[in-house]
Amino acid sequence: MQTVQVRISRWIAGTSLLASTAIVISLLRLRFPYPLLPFLSFDLAEIPAVLALLVFDFKSAFTVAVIHWITLNFGRPFHVLIGPLMKLIAVVSMLIGFWIIFNKPNVILNRRNIISMTISGSLVRVGLMSLVTFLLYYVLFPEVYLPTSTQVLKNVLGLELESSFLVALVIVIFTAFFNLLHVPLSLLPATSIYALYRKIVR
């Protein structure tokens, strides 16, 4: 009984610490822009959620992601509603992809499994986010996002697209590449920290 209580206490403390870390990273603006679409940023605040998955379980990782999402809606330096929601969907979908591989009994975090997690996380995240991005830009709020996207593509990349569908499609493709790159950026630092953690707790 005591062992269960200790495990629960460690889970709560560890999850709380990692959620706090994600919030601090956001407050410190530890991110850098994606050159193709400057309104997107590679965000180091995703790493604590991945670390929660590796150290504890999917519930811990999901909790970290949700707490981080809640704080992102509080205002400056955060953004409200759509941005944080897209972030939450991206992170949770990636975590699901990771957990498909890492949830197996006695799994070892070796090079082969890290590659498998990268592939699985990429497939789930890129697939879901491509669908969500297209719906957001072309179906739900085209009057909000397409004019800005058209200007960004013209000013940053020199692309002049008159068709709304083509603008949405190009945004989806560039966003897919962004999400593809973000998976190893979130996973590899977390696996390095996890390996160090395993050495310490032995």
C-alpha atoms as a PDB file:
ATOM      1  CA  MET A   1       0.000   0.000   0.000  1.00  0.00           C
ATOM      2  CA  GLN A   2       2.811   2.341   0.852  1.00  0.00           C
ATOM      3  CA  THR A   3       4.504   1.553  -2.462  1.00  0.00           C
ATOM      4  CA  VAL A   4       1.348   2.572  -4.336  1.00  0.00           C
ATOM      5  CA  GLN A   5       1.107   5.801  -2.335  1.00  0.00           C
ATOM      6  CA  VAL A   6       4.759   6.603  -3.056  1.00  0.00           C
ATOM      7  CA  ARG A   7       4.216   5.919  -6.752  1.00  0.00           C
ATOM      8  CA  ILE A   8       1.175   8.183  -6.836  1.00  0.00           C
ATOM      9  CA  SER A   9       3.022  10.931  -4.960  1.00  0.00           C
ATOM     10  CA  ARG A  10       5.953  10.725  -7.377  1.00  0.00           C
ATOM     11  CA  TRP A  11       3.549  10.839 -10.330  1.00  0.00           C
ATOM     12  CA  ILE A  12       1.793  13.946  -9.021  1.00  0.00           C
ATOM     13  CA  ALA A  13       5.027  15.702  -8.075  1.00  0.00           C
ATOM     14  CA  GLY A  14       6.771  14.812 -11.340  1.00  0.00           C
ATOM     15  CA  THR A  15       3.827  15.761 -13.515  1.00  0.00           C
ATOM     16  CA  SER A  16       3.419  19.067 -11.683  1.00  0.00           C
ATOM     17  CA  LEU A  17       7.132  19.832 -12.048  1.00  0.00           C
ATOM     18  CA  LEU A  18       7.133  19.090 -15.772  1.00  0.00           C
ATOM     19  CA  ALA A  19       3.980  21.130 -16.351  1.00  0.00           C
ATOM     20  CA  SER A  20       5.584  24.037 -14.504  1.00  0.00           C
ATOM     21  CA  THR A  21       8.700  23.636 -16.616  1.00  0.00           C
ATOM     22  CA  ALA A  22       6.643  23.860 -19.814  1.00  0.00           C
ATOM     23  CA  ILE A  23       5.016  27.061 -18.552  1.00  0.00           C
ATOM     24  CA  VAL A  24       8.374  28.609 -17.627  1.00  0.00           C
ATOM     25  CA  ILE A  25       9.805  27.733 -21.040  1.00  0.00           C
ATOM     26  CA  SER A  26       6.865  29.527 -22.663  1.00  0.00           C
ATOM     27  CA  LEU A  27       7.305  32.544 -20.412  1.00  0.00           C
ATOM     28  CA  LEU A  28      10.989  32.683 -21.348  1.00  0.00           C
ATOM     29  CA  ARG A  29       9.998  32.441 -25.031  1.00  0.00           C
ATOM     30  CA  LEU A  30      12.417  29.598 -25.692  1.00  0.00           C
ATOM     31  CA  ARG A  31      11.374  29.080 -29.277  1.00  0.00           C
ATOM     32  CA  PHE A  32      12.539  30.082 -32.731  1.00  0.00           C
ATOM     33  CA  PRO A  33      10.560  30.872 -35.888  1.00  0.00           C
ATOM     34  CA  TYR A  34       9.919  28.547 -38.782  1.00  0.00           C
ATOM     35  CA  PRO A  35      11.396  30.385 -41.795  1.00  0.00           C
ATOM     36  CA  LEU A  36       8.765  29.280 -44.318  1.00  0.00           C
ATOM     37  CA  LEU A  37       5.868  30.473 -42.130  1.00  0.00           C
ATOM     38  CA  PRO A  38       7.155  32.947 -39.532  1.00  0.00           C
ATOM     39  CA  PHE A  39       3.895  32.829 -37.558  1.00  0.00           C
ATOM     40  CA  LEU A  40       4.858  29.262 -36.559  1.00  0.00           C
ATOM     41  CA  SER A  41       7.625  28.615 -34.019  1.00  0.00           C
ATOM     42  CA  PHE A  42       9.602  25.590 -32.939  1.00  0.00           C
ATOM     43  CA  ASP A  43       8.710  25.458 -29.262  1.00  0.00           C
ATOM     44  CA  LEU A  44      10.938  23.866 -26.618  1.00  0.00           C
ATOM     45  CA  ALA A  45       7.943  23.792 -24.251  1.00  0.00           C
ATOM     46  CA  GLU A  46       6.861  20.524 -25.887  1.00  0.00           C
ATOM     47  CA  ILE A  47       9.827  18.665 -24.399  1.00  0.00           C
ATOM     48  CA  PRO A  48       8.443  18.386 -20.815  1.00  0.00           C
ATOM     49  CA  ALA A  49       5.311  16.615 -22.087  1.00  0.00           C
ATOM     50  CA  VAL A  50       7.433  14.078 -23.976  1.00  0.00           C
ATOM     51  CA  LEU A  51       9.611  13.604 -20.912  1.00  0.00           C
ATOM     52  CA  ALA A  52       6.481  12.976 -18.821  1.00  0.00           C
ATOM     53  CA  LEU A  53       5.544  10.227 -21.270  1.00  0.00           C
ATOM     54  CA  LEU A  54       8.945   8.571 -20.973  1.00  0.00           C
ATOM     55  CA  VAL A  55       9.292   8.861 -17.197  1.00  0.00           C
ATOM     56  CA  PHE A  56       5.681   8.187 -16.190  1.00  0.00           C
ATOM     57  CA  ASP A  57       2.904   7.409 -18.686  1.00  0.00           C
ATOM     58  CA  PHE A  58       0.557   8.842 -21.275  1.00  0.00           C
ATOM     59  CA  LYS A  59      -1.776  10.264 -18.614  1.00  0.00           C
ATOM     60  CA  SER A  60       1.084  12.297 -17.173  1.00  0.00           C
ATOM     61  CA  ALA A  61       2.115  13.571 -20.605  1.00  0.00           C
ATOM     62  CA  PHE A  62      -1.476  14.452 -21.470  1.00  0.00           C
ATOM     63  CA  THR A  63      -1.856  16.281 -18.138  1.00  0.00           C
ATOM     64  CA  VAL A  64       1.291  18.322 -18.797  1.00  0.00           C
ATOM     65  CA  ALA A  65       0.039  19.219 -22.283  1.00  0.00           C
ATOM     66  CA  VAL A  66      -3.406  20.242 -20.999  1.00  0.00           C
ATOM     67  CA  ILE A  67      -2.021  22.372 -18.145  1.00  0.00           C
ATOM     68  CA  HIS A  68       0.299  24.077 -20.612  1.00  0.00           C
ATOM     69  CA  TRP A  69      -2.627  24.642 -22.992  1.00  0.00           C
ATOM     70  CA  ILE A  70      -4.695  26.223 -20.225  1.00  0.00           C
ATOM     71  CA  THR A  71      -1.937  28.708 -19.385  1.00  0.00           C
ATOM     72  CA  LEU A  72      -1.473  29.596 -23.063  1.00  0.00           C
ATOM     73  CA  ASN A  73      -4.996  31.039 -23.040  1.00  0.00           C
ATOM     74  CA  PHE A  74      -4.270  33.538 -20.278  1.00  0.00           C
ATOM     75  CA  GLY A  75      -3.018  36.265 -22.632  1.00  0.00           C
ATOM     76  CA  ARG A  76       0.365  37.899 -23.181  1.00  0.00           C
ATOM     77  CA  PRO A  77       2.870  36.582 -23.932  1.00  0.00           C
ATOM     78  CA  PHE A  78       0.468  33.876 -25.013  1.00  0.00           C
ATOM     79  CA  HIS A  79      -2.292  33.779 -27.622  1.00  0.00           C
ATOM     80  CA  VAL A  80      -5.919  32.920 -27.074  1.00  0.00           C
ATOM     81  CA  LEU A  81      -8.009  29.934 -28.198  1.00  0.00           C
ATOM     82  CA  ILE A  82      -7.045  28.867 -31.735  1.00  0.00           C
ATOM     83  CA  GLY A  83      -3.252  28.989 -31.356  1.00  0.00           C
ATOM     84  CA  PRO A  84      -3.145  27.098 -28.046  1.00  0.00           C
ATOM     85  CA  LEU A  85      -5.744  24.604 -29.295  1.00  0.00           C
ATOM     86  CA  MET A  86      -3.669  23.858 -32.385  1.00  0.00           C
ATOM     87  CA  LYS A  87      -0.645  23.427 -30.126  1.00  0.00           C
ATOM     88  CA  LEU A  88      -2.569  21.003 -27.903  1.00  0.00           C
ATOM     89  CA  ILE A  89      -3.743  18.920 -30.863  1.00  0.00           C
ATOM     90  CA  ALA A  90      -0.209  18.816 -32.281  1.00  0.00           C
ATOM     91  CA  VAL A  91       1.391  17.739 -29.008  1.00  0.00           C
ATOM     92  CA  VAL A  92      -1.259  15.183 -28.034  1.00  0.00           C
ATOM     93  CA  SER A  93      -1.278  13.599 -31.496  1.00  0.00           C
ATOM     94  CA  MET A  94       2.513  13.320 -31.357  1.00  0.00           C
ATOM     95  CA  LEU A  95       2.338  11.781 -27.876  1.00  0.00           C
ATOM     96  CA  ILE A  96      -0.169   9.210 -29.128  1.00  0.00           C
ATOM     97  CA  GLY A  97       2.263   8.295 -31.901  1.00  0.00           C
ATOM     98  CA  PHE A  98       5.083   7.906 -29.396  1.00  0.00           C
ATOM     99  CA  TRP A  99       2.951   5.887 -26.998  1.00  0.00           C
ATOM    100  CA  ILE A 100       2.031   3.383 -29.715  1.00  0.00           C
ATOM    101  CA  ILE A 101       5.685   2.308 -29.660  1.00  0.00           C
ATOM    102  CA  PHE A 102       6.669   3.064 -26.068  1.00  0.00           C
ATOM    103  CA  ASN A 103       3.623   1.392 -24.488  1.00  0.00           C
ATOM    104  CA  LYS A 104       4.883  -2.112 -25.247  1.00  0.00           C
ATOM    105  CA  PRO A 105       5.923  -4.328 -22.272  1.00  0.00           C
ATOM    106  CA  ASN A 106       9.576  -4.040 -21.249  1.00  0.00           C
ATOM    107  CA  VAL A 107      10.331  -1.605 -24.042  1.00  0.00           C
ATOM    108  CA  ILE A 108      13.896  -0.292 -24.095  1.00  0.00           C
ATOM    109  CA  LEU A 109      14.610   3.208 -25.325  1.00  0.00           C
ATOM    110  CA  ASN A 110      17.286   2.212 -27.803  1.00  0.00           C
ATOM    111  CA  ARG A 111      18.138   3.692 -31.177  1.00  0.00           C
ATOM    112  CA  ARG A 112      15.718   1.430 -33.036  1.00  0.00           C
ATOM    113  CA  ASN A 113      12.786   2.339 -30.798  1.00  0.00           C
ATOM    114  CA  ILE A 114      13.624   6.045 -30.939  1.00  0.00           C
ATOM    115  CA  ILE A 115      13.504   5.846 -34.740  1.00  0.00           C
ATOM    116  CA  SER A 116      10.206   3.941 -34.540  1.00  0.00           C
ATOM    117  CA  MET A 117       8.782   6.550 -32.158  1.00  0.00           C
ATOM    118  CA  THR A 118       9.910   9.340 -34.483  1.00  0.00           C
ATOM    119  CA  ILE A 119       8.186   7.713 -37.438  1.00  0.00           C
ATOM    120  CA  SER A 120       5.015   6.889 -35.509  1.00  0.00           C
ATOM    121  CA  GLY A 121       4.836  10.322 -33.877  1.00  0.00           C
ATOM    122  CA  SER A 122       5.400  12.017 -37.229  1.00  0.00           C
ATOM    123  CA  LEU A 123       2.696  10.034 -39.003  1.00  0.00           C
ATOM    124  CA  VAL A 124       0.062  10.765 -36.384  1.00  0.00           C
ATOM    125  CA  ARG A 125       1.003  14.417 -35.844  1.00  0.00           C
ATOM    126  CA  VAL A 126       1.476  15.344 -39.501  1.00  0.00           C
ATOM    127  CA  GLY A 127      -1.639  13.470 -40.593  1.00  0.00           C
ATOM    128  CA  LEU A 128      -3.958  14.964 -38.003  1.00  0.00           C
ATOM    129  CA  MET A 129      -2.496  18.471 -38.141  1.00  0.00           C
ATOM    130  CA  SER A 130      -2.706  18.555 -41.941  1.00  0.00           C
ATOM    131  CA  LEU A 131      -6.414  17.776 -41.731  1.00  0.00           C
ATOM    132  CA  VAL A 132      -7.028  20.286 -38.935  1.00  0.00           C
ATOM    133  CA  THR A 133      -5.027  23.004 -40.705  1.00  0.00           C
ATOM    134  CA  PHE A 134      -6.963  22.563 -43.960  1.00  0.00           C
ATOM    135  CA  LEU A 135     -10.286  22.686 -42.114  1.00  0.00           C
ATOM    136  CA  LEU A 136      -9.234  25.791 -40.207  1.00  0.00           C
ATOM    137  CA  TYR A 137      -7.904  27.699 -43.216  1.00  0.00           C
ATOM    138  CA  TYR A 138     -10.289  26.628 -45.964  1.00  0.00           C
ATOM    139  CA  VAL A 139     -13.515  25.493 -44.297  1.00  0.00           C
ATOM    140  CA  LEU A 140     -14.015  27.097 -40.882  1.00  0.00           C
ATOM    141  CA  PHE A 141     -12.302  30.513 -40.938  1.00  0.00           C
ATOM    142  CA  PRO A 142     -11.050  31.263 -44.476  1.00  0.00           C
ATOM    143  CA  GLU A 143     -11.936  34.960 -44.157  1.00  0.00           C
ATOM    144  CA  VAL A 144      -9.645  35.222 -41.140  1.00  0.00           C
ATOM    145  CA  TYR A 145      -6.626  33.134 -42.126  1.00  0.00           C
ATOM    146  CA  LEU A 146      -6.411  33.133 -45.916  1.00  0.00           C
ATOM    147  CA  PRO A 147      -5.743  36.901 -46.404  1.00  0.00           C
ATOM    148  CA  THR A 148      -2.894  36.832 -43.883  1.00  0.00           C
ATOM    149  CA  SER A 149      -1.499  33.610 -45.336  1.00  0.00           C
ATOM    150  CA  THR A 150      -1.639  35.056 -48.853  1.00  0.00           C
ATOM    151  CA  GLN A 151       0.417  38.059 -47.727  1.00  0.00           C
ATOM    152  CA  VAL A 152       2.934  35.883 -45.862  1.00  0.00           C
ATOM    153  CA  LEU A 153       3.472  33.636 -48.874  1.00  0.00           C
ATOM    154  CA  LYS A 154       3.932  36.691 -51.103  1.00  0.00           C
ATOM    155  CA  ASN A 155       6.195  38.706 -48.782  1.00  0.00           C
ATOM    156  CA  VAL A 156       8.339  35.870 -47.402  1.00  0.00           C
ATOM    157  CA  LEU A 157       8.529  33.419 -50.306  1.00  0.00           C
ATOM    158  CA  GLY A 158       7.487  35.505 -53.291  1.00  0.00           C
ATOM    159  CA  LEU A 159       4.540  33.216 -54.027  1.00  0.00           C
ATOM    160  CA  GLU A 160       1.485  34.915 -55.507  1.00  0.00           C
ATOM    161  CA  LEU A 161      -1.466  32.545 -55.434  1.00  0.00           C
ATOM    162  CA  GLU A 162      -4.891  33.804 -56.442  1.00  0.00           C
ATOM    163  CA  SER A 163      -6.782  30.603 -55.674  1.00  0.00           C
ATOM    164  CA  SER A 164      -7.925  30.256 -52.061  1.00  0.00           C
ATOM    165  CA  PHE A 165      -7.651  26.499 -52.376  1.00  0.00           C
ATOM    166  CA  LEU A 166      -4.023  26.726 -53.520  1.00  0.00           C
ATOM    167  CA  VAL A 167      -3.169  29.076 -50.653  1.00  0.00           C
ATOM    168  CA  ALA A 168      -4.719  26.659 -48.166  1.00  0.00           C
ATOM    169  CA  LEU A 169      -2.954  23.704 -49.799  1.00  0.00           C
ATOM    170  CA  VAL A 170       0.468  25.389 -49.699  1.00  0.00           C
ATOM    171  CA  ILE A 171      -0.079  26.332 -46.057  1.00  0.00           C
ATOM    172  CA  VAL A 172      -0.985  22.718 -45.278  1.00  0.00           C
ATOM    173  CA  ILE A 173       2.164  21.435 -47.019  1.00  0.00           C
ATOM    174  CA  PHE A 174       4.464  23.915 -45.277  1.00  0.00           C
ATOM    175  CA  THR A 175       2.754  23.260 -41.948  1.00  0.00           C
ATOM    176  CA  ALA A 176       3.145  19.509 -42.461  1.00  0.00           C
ATOM    177  CA  PHE A 177       6.883  19.983 -42.968  1.00  0.00           C
ATOM    178  CA  PHE A 178       6.992  22.118 -39.816  1.00  0.00           C
ATOM    179  CA  ASN A 179       5.284  19.399 -37.786  1.00  0.00           C
ATOM    180  CA  LEU A 180       7.559  16.764 -39.286  1.00  0.00           C
ATOM    181  CA  LEU A 181      10.635  18.683 -38.126  1.00  0.00           C
ATOM    182  CA  HIS A 182       9.134  19.376 -34.701  1.00  0.00           C
ATOM    183  CA  VAL A 183       8.829  15.674 -33.802  1.00  0.00           C
ATOM    184  CA  PRO A 184      12.578  14.918 -33.460  1.00  0.00           C
ATOM    185  CA  LEU A 185      13.105  18.386 -31.984  1.00  0.00           C
ATOM    186  CA  SER A 186      10.751  17.424 -29.152  1.00  0.00           C
ATOM    187  CA  LEU A 187      11.734  13.757 -28.841  1.00  0.00           C
ATOM    188  CA  LEU A 188      15.540  13.721 -28.989  1.00  0.00           C
ATOM    189  CA  PRO A 189      16.217  16.171 -26.123  1.00  0.00           C
ATOM    190  CA  ALA A 190      13.622  14.324 -24.018  1.00  0.00           C
ATOM    191  CA  THR A 191      15.287  10.960 -24.661  1.00  0.00           C
ATOM    192  CA  SER A 192      18.677  12.397 -23.645  1.00  0.00           C
ATOM    193  CA  ILE A 193      17.250  13.778 -20.400  1.00  0.00           C
ATOM    194  CA  TYR A 194      15.419  10.487 -19.793  1.00  0.00           C
ATOM    195  CA  ALA A 195      18.639   8.491 -20.253  1.00  0.00           C
ATOM    196  CA  LEU A 196      20.344  10.701 -17.667  1.00  0.00           C
ATOM    197  CA  TYR A 197      17.362  10.294 -15.333  1.00  0.00           C
ATOM    198  CA  ARG A 198      17.568   6.494 -15.618  1.00  0.00           C
ATOM    199  CA  LYS A 199      21.232   6.553 -14.651  1.00  0.00           C
ATOM    200  CA  ILE A 200      20.512   8.693 -11.599  1.00  0.00           C
ATOM    201  CA  VAL A 201      17.566   6.637 -10.288  1.00  0.00           C
ATOM    202  CA  ARG A 202      19.287   3.269 -10.651  1.00  0.00           C
END
